[in-house]
């Protein structure tokens, strides 16, 4: 029987800081939440502002593989929720400096689940105040390519790939992207030519309103990123809610 005691150690944290973290926790991925708390434990838990924390230490505490930990730490550094200090790493306690979207999460009444808007890198968020990618109308052809297009499209591509994986954190039944292949880049570039696809958040929202796309069918089929970008038809069907009235899975009693 477990019997935790304060005398055996405790983590002291200001209520104001902890409450700020609670409010933005839904904007973070599960890995980001866990690694941030681990760093908090490894520093404040030893009454230190920063410490040298190895990937192996975090792995032991979180059971997350080291490559994932390394990527997650980079994301937390970009969000300015942790910072490097004196050769170590620590919590950025000035929460007003955290690079977290200030928008209230979207509420999708169909599923009753709160889904945060995409958490985009700082350089991408500069392009839009809404979280939706407000991108130029022109298509990348020899005649229309400009410096703005060269800059904005890579940001759009990065936002879409990261946005999909973040969406999969909320819906683990969907498959994340483990690799950004040349084939995926090519297909996404073609979809970018359609303004309707540039509102990628709207596509994700539409998915949440159609249980069939989330595996609720007799065969258990579910939407995938590759299926979405395969052509200019699939994602349109999602936006038009073509799968909303599809019969749910028949469960045996």
C-alpha atoms as a PDB file:
ATOM      1  CA  UNK A   1       0.000   0.000   0.000  1.00  0.00           C
ATOM      2  CA  UNK A   2       1.435   3.370  -1.015  1.00  0.00           C
ATOM      3  CA  UNK A   3       1.779   6.042   1.634  1.00  0.00           C
ATOM      4  CA  UNK A   4       3.444   9.192   0.224  1.00  0.00           C
ATOM      5  CA  UNK A   5       4.784  11.551   2.870  1.00  0.00           C
ATOM      6  CA  UNK A   6       5.910  15.169   2.505  1.00  0.00           C
ATOM      7  CA  UNK A   7       8.876  14.408   4.743  1.00  0.00           C
ATOM      8  CA  UNK A   8      10.198  12.150   1.982  1.00  0.00           C
ATOM      9  CA  UNK A   9      10.318  15.078  -0.453  1.00  0.00           C
ATOM     10  CA  UNK A  10       7.947  17.507  -2.121  1.00  0.00           C
ATOM     11  CA  UNK A  11       7.801  19.940  -5.047  1.00  0.00           C
ATOM     12  CA  UNK A  12       7.160  23.540  -4.031  1.00  0.00           C
ATOM     13  CA  UNK A  13       5.506  25.677  -6.697  1.00  0.00           C
ATOM     14  CA  UNK A  14       3.667  28.984  -6.507  1.00  0.00           C
ATOM     15  CA  UNK A  15      -0.086  28.586  -6.954  1.00  0.00           C
ATOM     16  CA  UNK A  16      -0.106  31.408  -9.527  1.00  0.00           C
ATOM     17  CA  UNK A  17       2.395  29.572 -11.730  1.00  0.00           C
ATOM     18  CA  UNK A  18       0.652  26.221 -11.373  1.00  0.00           C
ATOM     19  CA  UNK A  19      -2.750  27.726 -12.151  1.00  0.00           C
ATOM     20  CA  UNK A  20      -1.293  29.384 -15.268  1.00  0.00           C
ATOM     21  CA  UNK A  21      -0.035  25.977 -16.394  1.00  0.00           C
ATOM     22  CA  UNK A  22      -3.434  24.363 -15.735  1.00  0.00           C
ATOM     23  CA  UNK A  23      -5.163  26.943 -17.944  1.00  0.00           C
ATOM     24  CA  UNK A  24      -2.932  26.283 -20.958  1.00  0.00           C
ATOM     25  CA  UNK A  25      -2.437  22.526 -20.502  1.00  0.00           C
ATOM     26  CA  UNK A  26      -5.032  21.721 -23.155  1.00  0.00           C
ATOM     27  CA  UNK A  27      -2.943  23.573 -25.742  1.00  0.00           C
ATOM     28  CA  UNK A  28      -0.021  21.204 -25.168  1.00  0.00           C
ATOM     29  CA  UNK A  29       0.518  17.688 -26.454  1.00  0.00           C
ATOM     30  CA  UNK A  30       0.610  14.822 -23.898  1.00  0.00           C
ATOM     31  CA  UNK A  31       4.401  14.608 -24.290  1.00  0.00           C
ATOM     32  CA  UNK A  32       4.793  18.343 -23.716  1.00  0.00           C
ATOM     33  CA  UNK A  33       2.686  18.176 -20.539  1.00  0.00           C
ATOM     34  CA  UNK A  34       4.611  15.206 -19.169  1.00  0.00           C
ATOM     35  CA  UNK A  35       8.101  16.510 -19.982  1.00  0.00           C
ATOM     36  CA  UNK A  36       7.310  19.969 -18.577  1.00  0.00           C
ATOM     37  CA  UNK A  37       6.113  18.428 -15.319  1.00  0.00           C
ATOM     38  CA  UNK A  38       9.192  16.198 -15.231  1.00  0.00           C
ATOM     39  CA  UNK A  39      11.494  19.221 -15.552  1.00  0.00           C
ATOM     40  CA  UNK A  40       9.469  20.943 -12.846  1.00  0.00           C
ATOM     41  CA  UNK A  41       9.971  17.919 -10.585  1.00  0.00           C
ATOM     42  CA  UNK A  42      13.697  17.664 -11.363  1.00  0.00           C
ATOM     43  CA  UNK A  43      14.288  21.330 -10.508  1.00  0.00           C
ATOM     44  CA  UNK A  44      11.719  22.640  -8.039  1.00  0.00           C
ATOM     45  CA  UNK A  45      11.545  19.201  -6.464  1.00  0.00           C
ATOM     46  CA  UNK A  46      15.166  19.672  -5.385  1.00  0.00           C
ATOM     47  CA  UNK A  47      14.626  23.368  -4.560  1.00  0.00           C
ATOM     48  CA  UNK A  48      16.621  24.486  -7.602  1.00  0.00           C
ATOM     49  CA  UNK A  49      15.770  26.918 -10.397  1.00  0.00           C
ATOM     50  CA  UNK A  50      17.694  24.931 -13.013  1.00  0.00           C
ATOM     51  CA  UNK A  51      19.692  21.737 -13.298  1.00  0.00           C
ATOM     52  CA  UNK A  52      21.457  19.599 -15.875  1.00  0.00           C
ATOM     53  CA  UNK A  53      18.821  16.999 -16.729  1.00  0.00           C
ATOM     54  CA  UNK A  54      19.825  14.202 -19.092  1.00  0.00           C
ATOM     55  CA  UNK A  55      17.464  12.527 -21.544  1.00  0.00           C
ATOM     56  CA  UNK A  56      17.980   9.246 -19.706  1.00  0.00           C
ATOM     57  CA  UNK A  57      16.767  10.815 -16.432  1.00  0.00           C
ATOM     58  CA  UNK A  58      13.605  12.018 -18.124  1.00  0.00           C
ATOM     59  CA  UNK A  59      13.138   8.624 -19.791  1.00  0.00           C
ATOM     60  CA  UNK A  60      13.300   6.815 -16.441  1.00  0.00           C
ATOM     61  CA  UNK A  61      10.715   9.136 -14.901  1.00  0.00           C
ATOM     62  CA  UNK A  62       8.307   9.362 -17.854  1.00  0.00           C
ATOM     63  CA  UNK A  63       8.781   6.096 -19.801  1.00  0.00           C
ATOM     64  CA  UNK A  64       9.040   8.195 -22.968  1.00  0.00           C
ATOM     65  CA  UNK A  65      11.746   7.247 -25.464  1.00  0.00           C
ATOM     66  CA  UNK A  66      14.704   9.628 -25.661  1.00  0.00           C
ATOM     67  CA  UNK A  67      14.189  10.746 -29.306  1.00  0.00           C
ATOM     68  CA  UNK A  68      10.652  11.862 -28.396  1.00  0.00           C
ATOM     69  CA  UNK A  69      11.966  13.619 -25.280  1.00  0.00           C
ATOM     70  CA  UNK A  70      14.564  15.521 -27.308  1.00  0.00           C
ATOM     71  CA  UNK A  71      11.931  16.713 -29.808  1.00  0.00           C
ATOM     72  CA  UNK A  72       9.539  17.657 -27.011  1.00  0.00           C
ATOM     73  CA  UNK A  73      12.188  19.709 -25.193  1.00  0.00           C
ATOM     74  CA  UNK A  74      12.803  21.659 -28.398  1.00  0.00           C
ATOM     75  CA  UNK A  75       9.068  22.388 -28.677  1.00  0.00           C
ATOM     76  CA  UNK A  76       8.916  23.559 -25.052  1.00  0.00           C
ATOM     77  CA  UNK A  77      11.920  25.808 -25.663  1.00  0.00           C
ATOM     78  CA  UNK A  78      10.145  27.297 -28.699  1.00  0.00           C
ATOM     79  CA  UNK A  79       7.090  27.875 -26.546  1.00  0.00           C
ATOM     80  CA  UNK A  80       9.403  29.491 -23.959  1.00  0.00           C
ATOM     81  CA  UNK A  81       7.926  27.315 -21.205  1.00  0.00           C
ATOM     82  CA  UNK A  82      11.422  26.145 -20.317  1.00  0.00           C
ATOM     83  CA  UNK A  83      14.740  27.882 -20.813  1.00  0.00           C
ATOM     84  CA  UNK A  84      18.438  27.096 -20.771  1.00  0.00           C
ATOM     85  CA  UNK A  85      20.298  28.687 -17.890  1.00  0.00           C
ATOM     86  CA  UNK A  86      23.803  28.270 -16.480  1.00  0.00           C
ATOM     87  CA  UNK A  87      24.460  25.159 -18.524  1.00  0.00           C
ATOM     88  CA  UNK A  88      21.259  23.541 -17.305  1.00  0.00           C
ATOM     89  CA  UNK A  89      17.551  23.830 -17.976  1.00  0.00           C
ATOM     90  CA  UNK A  90      14.682  25.158 -15.921  1.00  0.00           C
ATOM     91  CA  UNK A  91      11.086  26.342 -15.893  1.00  0.00           C
ATOM     92  CA  UNK A  92      10.288  29.766 -17.345  1.00  0.00           C
ATOM     93  CA  UNK A  93       8.236  31.018 -14.421  1.00  0.00           C
ATOM     94  CA  UNK A  94       7.232  34.278 -16.107  1.00  0.00           C
ATOM     95  CA  UNK A  95       4.190  32.647 -17.722  1.00  0.00           C
ATOM     96  CA  UNK A  96       3.305  35.850 -19.585  1.00  0.00           C
ATOM     97  CA  UNK A  97       6.298  35.066 -21.815  1.00  0.00           C
ATOM     98  CA  UNK A  98       4.998  31.616 -22.766  1.00  0.00           C
ATOM     99  CA  UNK A  99       4.298  31.379 -26.508  1.00  0.00           C
ATOM    100  CA  UNK A 100       0.846  29.833 -26.189  1.00  0.00           C
ATOM    101  CA  UNK A 101      -2.224  30.779 -28.293  1.00  0.00           C
ATOM    102  CA  UNK A 102      -4.602  32.935 -26.296  1.00  0.00           C
ATOM    103  CA  UNK A 103      -7.727  31.782 -28.107  1.00  0.00           C
ATOM    104  CA  UNK A 104     -10.350  29.843 -26.222  1.00  0.00           C
ATOM    105  CA  UNK A 105     -10.561  26.245 -27.398  1.00  0.00           C
ATOM    106  CA  UNK A 106     -13.139  25.293 -29.993  1.00  0.00           C
ATOM    107  CA  UNK A 107     -16.148  23.421 -28.606  1.00  0.00           C
ATOM    108  CA  UNK A 108     -17.572  20.832 -30.936  1.00  0.00           C
ATOM    109  CA  UNK A 109     -20.994  19.930 -29.616  1.00  0.00           C
ATOM    110  CA  UNK A 110     -21.230  16.840 -31.818  1.00  0.00           C
ATOM    111  CA  UNK A 111     -18.640  14.973 -29.760  1.00  0.00           C
ATOM    112  CA  UNK A 112     -18.678  16.977 -26.555  1.00  0.00           C
ATOM    113  CA  UNK A 113     -14.889  17.150 -26.645  1.00  0.00           C
ATOM    114  CA  UNK A 114     -12.846  20.337 -26.448  1.00  0.00           C
ATOM    115  CA  UNK A 115     -10.224  20.463 -29.176  1.00  0.00           C
ATOM    116  CA  UNK A 116      -7.573  23.201 -29.012  1.00  0.00           C
ATOM    117  CA  UNK A 117      -6.699  25.167 -32.093  1.00  0.00           C
ATOM    118  CA  UNK A 118      -3.402  24.235 -33.643  1.00  0.00           C
ATOM    119  CA  UNK A 119      -0.410  25.118 -31.529  1.00  0.00           C
ATOM    120  CA  UNK A 120       1.887  26.576 -34.158  1.00  0.00           C
ATOM    121  CA  UNK A 121       5.523  27.599 -33.909  1.00  0.00           C
ATOM    122  CA  UNK A 122       6.109  31.265 -33.155  1.00  0.00           C
ATOM    123  CA  UNK A 123       7.256  32.094 -36.665  1.00  0.00           C
ATOM    124  CA  UNK A 124       4.089  30.542 -38.116  1.00  0.00           C
ATOM    125  CA  UNK A 125       1.708  32.263 -35.706  1.00  0.00           C
ATOM    126  CA  UNK A 126       2.949  35.611 -36.967  1.00  0.00           C
ATOM    127  CA  UNK A 127       1.119  34.878 -40.199  1.00  0.00           C
ATOM    128  CA  UNK A 128      -2.298  34.776 -38.573  1.00  0.00           C
ATOM    129  CA  UNK A 129      -4.112  35.875 -35.451  1.00  0.00           C
ATOM    130  CA  UNK A 130      -6.829  33.257 -35.698  1.00  0.00           C
ATOM    131  CA  UNK A 131      -4.895  30.024 -35.965  1.00  0.00           C
ATOM    132  CA  UNK A 132      -6.231  29.478 -39.479  1.00  0.00           C
ATOM    133  CA  UNK A 133      -3.625  29.993 -42.145  1.00  0.00           C
ATOM    134  CA  UNK A 134      -4.424  33.178 -44.044  1.00  0.00           C
ATOM    135  CA  UNK A 135      -2.360  32.464 -47.125  1.00  0.00           C
ATOM    136  CA  UNK A 136      -2.036  34.218 -50.501  1.00  0.00           C
ATOM    137  CA  UNK A 137      -4.425  33.417 -53.331  1.00  0.00           C
ATOM    138  CA  UNK A 138      -1.734  32.865 -55.936  1.00  0.00           C
ATOM    139  CA  UNK A 139      -0.575  29.401 -56.905  1.00  0.00           C
ATOM    140  CA  UNK A 140       3.126  28.580 -57.015  1.00  0.00           C
ATOM    141  CA  UNK A 141       3.711  28.650 -60.764  1.00  0.00           C
ATOM    142  CA  UNK A 142       6.597  30.144 -62.705  1.00  0.00           C
ATOM    143  CA  UNK A 143       4.456  33.208 -63.352  1.00  0.00           C
ATOM    144  CA  UNK A 144       3.122  33.802 -59.855  1.00  0.00           C
ATOM    145  CA  UNK A 145       5.889  32.716 -57.488  1.00  0.00           C
ATOM    146  CA  UNK A 146       7.040  35.570 -55.225  1.00  0.00           C
ATOM    147  CA  UNK A 147       9.246  36.043 -52.170  1.00  0.00           C
ATOM    148  CA  UNK A 148       6.131  36.019 -49.977  1.00  0.00           C
ATOM    149  CA  UNK A 149       5.022  32.712 -51.482  1.00  0.00           C
ATOM    150  CA  UNK A 150       8.454  31.200 -50.935  1.00  0.00           C
ATOM    151  CA  UNK A 151       8.258  32.173 -47.265  1.00  0.00           C
ATOM    152  CA  UNK A 152       4.598  31.433 -46.537  1.00  0.00           C
ATOM    153  CA  UNK A 153       4.205  28.044 -48.182  1.00  0.00           C
ATOM    154  CA  UNK A 154       6.923  26.322 -46.077  1.00  0.00           C
ATOM    155  CA  UNK A 155       5.211  27.772 -43.006  1.00  0.00           C
ATOM    156  CA  UNK A 156       1.881  26.404 -44.201  1.00  0.00           C
ATOM    157  CA  UNK A 157       3.416  22.978 -44.871  1.00  0.00           C
ATOM    158  CA  UNK A 158       5.022  22.840 -41.441  1.00  0.00           C
ATOM    159  CA  UNK A 159       1.805  23.992 -39.748  1.00  0.00           C
ATOM    160  CA  UNK A 160      -0.260  21.315 -41.516  1.00  0.00           C
ATOM    161  CA  UNK A 161       2.084  18.444 -40.688  1.00  0.00           C
ATOM    162  CA  UNK A 162       2.449  19.514 -37.053  1.00  0.00           C
ATOM    163  CA  UNK A 163      -1.248  20.391 -36.835  1.00  0.00           C
ATOM    164  CA  UNK A 164      -2.250  16.886 -37.935  1.00  0.00           C
ATOM    165  CA  UNK A 165      -0.002  15.231 -35.345  1.00  0.00           C
ATOM    166  CA  UNK A 166      -1.316  17.566 -32.649  1.00  0.00           C
ATOM    167  CA  UNK A 167      -4.876  16.661 -33.703  1.00  0.00           C
ATOM    168  CA  UNK A 168      -3.968  12.970 -33.370  1.00  0.00           C
ATOM    169  CA  UNK A 169      -2.929  13.626 -29.764  1.00  0.00           C
ATOM    170  CA  UNK A 170      -6.580  14.454 -29.092  1.00  0.00           C
ATOM    171  CA  UNK A 171      -7.792  11.518 -31.208  1.00  0.00           C
ATOM    172  CA  UNK A 172      -5.255   8.681 -30.650  1.00  0.00           C
ATOM    173  CA  UNK A 173      -7.288   6.382 -32.898  1.00  0.00           C
ATOM    174  CA  UNK A 174      -5.886   8.317 -35.858  1.00  0.00           C
ATOM    175  CA  UNK A 175      -2.400   7.648 -37.200  1.00  0.00           C
ATOM    176  CA  UNK A 176       0.306  10.266 -36.727  1.00  0.00           C
ATOM    177  CA  UNK A 177       2.883  11.067 -39.369  1.00  0.00           C
ATOM    178  CA  UNK A 178       6.226   9.506 -38.508  1.00  0.00           C
ATOM    179  CA  UNK A 179       7.919  10.892 -41.595  1.00  0.00           C
ATOM    180  CA  UNK A 180       7.358  13.737 -44.005  1.00  0.00           C
ATOM    181  CA  UNK A 181       8.041  11.999 -47.322  1.00  0.00           C
ATOM    182  CA  UNK A 182       8.606  13.629 -50.696  1.00  0.00           C
ATOM    183  CA  UNK A 183       5.335  12.087 -51.903  1.00  0.00           C
ATOM    184  CA  UNK A 184       3.413  13.734 -49.059  1.00  0.00           C
ATOM    185  CA  UNK A 185       5.079  17.072 -49.733  1.00  0.00           C
ATOM    186  CA  UNK A 186       4.155  16.873 -53.408  1.00  0.00           C
ATOM    187  CA  UNK A 187       0.504  16.016 -52.755  1.00  0.00           C
ATOM    188  CA  UNK A 188       0.174  18.706 -50.095  1.00  0.00           C
ATOM    189  CA  UNK A 189       1.625  21.266 -52.488  1.00  0.00           C
ATOM    190  CA  UNK A 190      -1.097  20.363 -55.010  1.00  0.00           C
ATOM    191  CA  UNK A 191      -3.833  20.665 -52.382  1.00  0.00           C
ATOM    192  CA  UNK A 192      -2.457  24.074 -51.404  1.00  0.00           C
ATOM    193  CA  UNK A 193      -3.559  25.344 -54.797  1.00  0.00           C
ATOM    194  CA  UNK A 194      -7.155  25.124 -53.542  1.00  0.00           C
ATOM    195  CA  UNK A 195      -8.156  27.882 -51.149  1.00  0.00           C
ATOM    196  CA  UNK A 196     -10.604  25.539 -49.420  1.00  0.00           C
ATOM    197  CA  UNK A 197      -7.709  23.359 -48.284  1.00  0.00           C
ATOM    198  CA  UNK A 198      -5.800  26.338 -46.899  1.00  0.00           C
ATOM    199  CA  UNK A 199      -8.363  26.498 -44.093  1.00  0.00           C
ATOM    200  CA  UNK A 200      -6.931  23.295 -42.640  1.00  0.00           C
ATOM    201  CA  UNK A 201      -8.422  23.884 -39.188  1.00  0.00           C
ATOM    202  CA  UNK A 202     -11.885  23.724 -40.736  1.00  0.00           C
ATOM    203  CA  UNK A 203     -11.090  20.288 -42.158  1.00  0.00           C
ATOM    204  CA  UNK A 204     -10.028  19.067 -38.707  1.00  0.00           C
ATOM    205  CA  UNK A 205     -13.171  20.523 -37.172  1.00  0.00           C
ATOM    206  CA  UNK A 206     -15.324  18.770 -39.788  1.00  0.00           C
ATOM    207  CA  UNK A 207     -13.673  15.443 -38.939  1.00  0.00           C
ATOM    208  CA  UNK A 208     -14.754  15.742 -35.296  1.00  0.00           C
ATOM    209  CA  UNK A 209     -18.364  16.194 -36.405  1.00  0.00           C
ATOM    210  CA  UNK A 210     -18.435  12.936 -38.387  1.00  0.00           C
ATOM    211  CA  UNK A 211     -17.909   9.867 -36.158  1.00  0.00           C
ATOM    212  CA  UNK A 212     -17.585   7.650 -39.220  1.00  0.00           C
ATOM    213  CA  UNK A 213     -14.241   9.301 -39.961  1.00  0.00           C
ATOM    214  CA  UNK A 214     -13.087   8.382 -36.453  1.00  0.00           C
ATOM    215  CA  UNK A 215     -13.679   4.656 -36.815  1.00  0.00           C
ATOM    216  CA  UNK A 216     -17.356   4.527 -35.813  1.00  0.00           C
ATOM    217  CA  UNK A 217     -18.500   2.134 -38.527  1.00  0.00           C
ATOM    218  CA  UNK A 218     -18.990  -1.574 -38.960  1.00  0.00           C
ATOM    219  CA  UNK A 219     -15.603  -1.971 -40.628  1.00  0.00           C
ATOM    220  CA  UNK A 220     -13.896   0.560 -38.374  1.00  0.00           C
ATOM    221  CA  UNK A 221     -12.438   2.598 -41.240  1.00  0.00           C
ATOM    222  CA  UNK A 222     -10.969   5.927 -40.160  1.00  0.00           C
ATOM    223  CA  UNK A 223      -9.607   8.958 -41.915  1.00  0.00           C
ATOM    224  CA  UNK A 224      -5.878   9.280 -42.533  1.00  0.00           C
ATOM    225  CA  UNK A 225      -3.692  12.188 -43.536  1.00  0.00           C
ATOM    226  CA  UNK A 226      -2.688  10.468 -46.781  1.00  0.00           C
ATOM    227  CA  UNK A 227      -6.347   9.931 -47.676  1.00  0.00           C
ATOM    228  CA  UNK A 228      -7.103  13.610 -47.034  1.00  0.00           C
ATOM    229  CA  UNK A 229      -4.387  14.886 -49.352  1.00  0.00           C
ATOM    230  CA  UNK A 230      -4.751  12.159 -51.988  1.00  0.00           C
ATOM    231  CA  UNK A 231      -6.854  14.320 -54.304  1.00  0.00           C
ATOM    232  CA  UNK A 232      -9.128  17.354 -54.426  1.00  0.00           C
ATOM    233  CA  UNK A 233     -12.194  15.258 -53.713  1.00  0.00           C
ATOM    234  CA  UNK A 234     -11.644  13.526 -50.376  1.00  0.00           C
ATOM    235  CA  UNK A 235     -11.115  16.600 -48.193  1.00  0.00           C
ATOM    236  CA  UNK A 236     -14.048  18.359 -49.906  1.00  0.00           C
ATOM    237  CA  UNK A 237     -16.310  15.474 -48.869  1.00  0.00           C
ATOM    238  CA  UNK A 238     -15.124  15.993 -45.304  1.00  0.00           C
ATOM    239  CA  UNK A 239     -15.783  19.737 -45.429  1.00  0.00           C
ATOM    240  CA  UNK A 240     -19.257  19.121 -46.868  1.00  0.00           C
ATOM    241  CA  UNK A 241     -20.032  16.648 -44.057  1.00  0.00           C
ATOM    242  CA  UNK A 242     -20.790  13.865 -46.542  1.00  0.00           C
ATOM    243  CA  UNK A 243     -20.084  11.255 -43.829  1.00  0.00           C
ATOM    244  CA  UNK A 244     -22.235  12.817 -41.123  1.00  0.00           C
ATOM    245  CA  UNK A 245     -25.252  10.581 -41.727  1.00  0.00           C
ATOM    246  CA  UNK A 246     -23.279   7.374 -42.232  1.00  0.00           C
ATOM    247  CA  UNK A 247     -24.654   4.543 -40.119  1.00  0.00           C
ATOM    248  CA  UNK A 248     -22.716   4.005 -36.859  1.00  0.00           C
ATOM    249  CA  UNK A 249     -20.999   0.767 -35.996  1.00  0.00           C
ATOM    250  CA  UNK A 250     -23.309  -2.132 -35.185  1.00  0.00           C
ATOM    251  CA  UNK A 251     -22.264  -3.456 -31.804  1.00  0.00           C
ATOM    252  CA  UNK A 252     -23.086  -6.950 -30.660  1.00  0.00           C
ATOM    253  CA  UNK A 253     -24.792  -7.194 -27.274  1.00  0.00           C
END
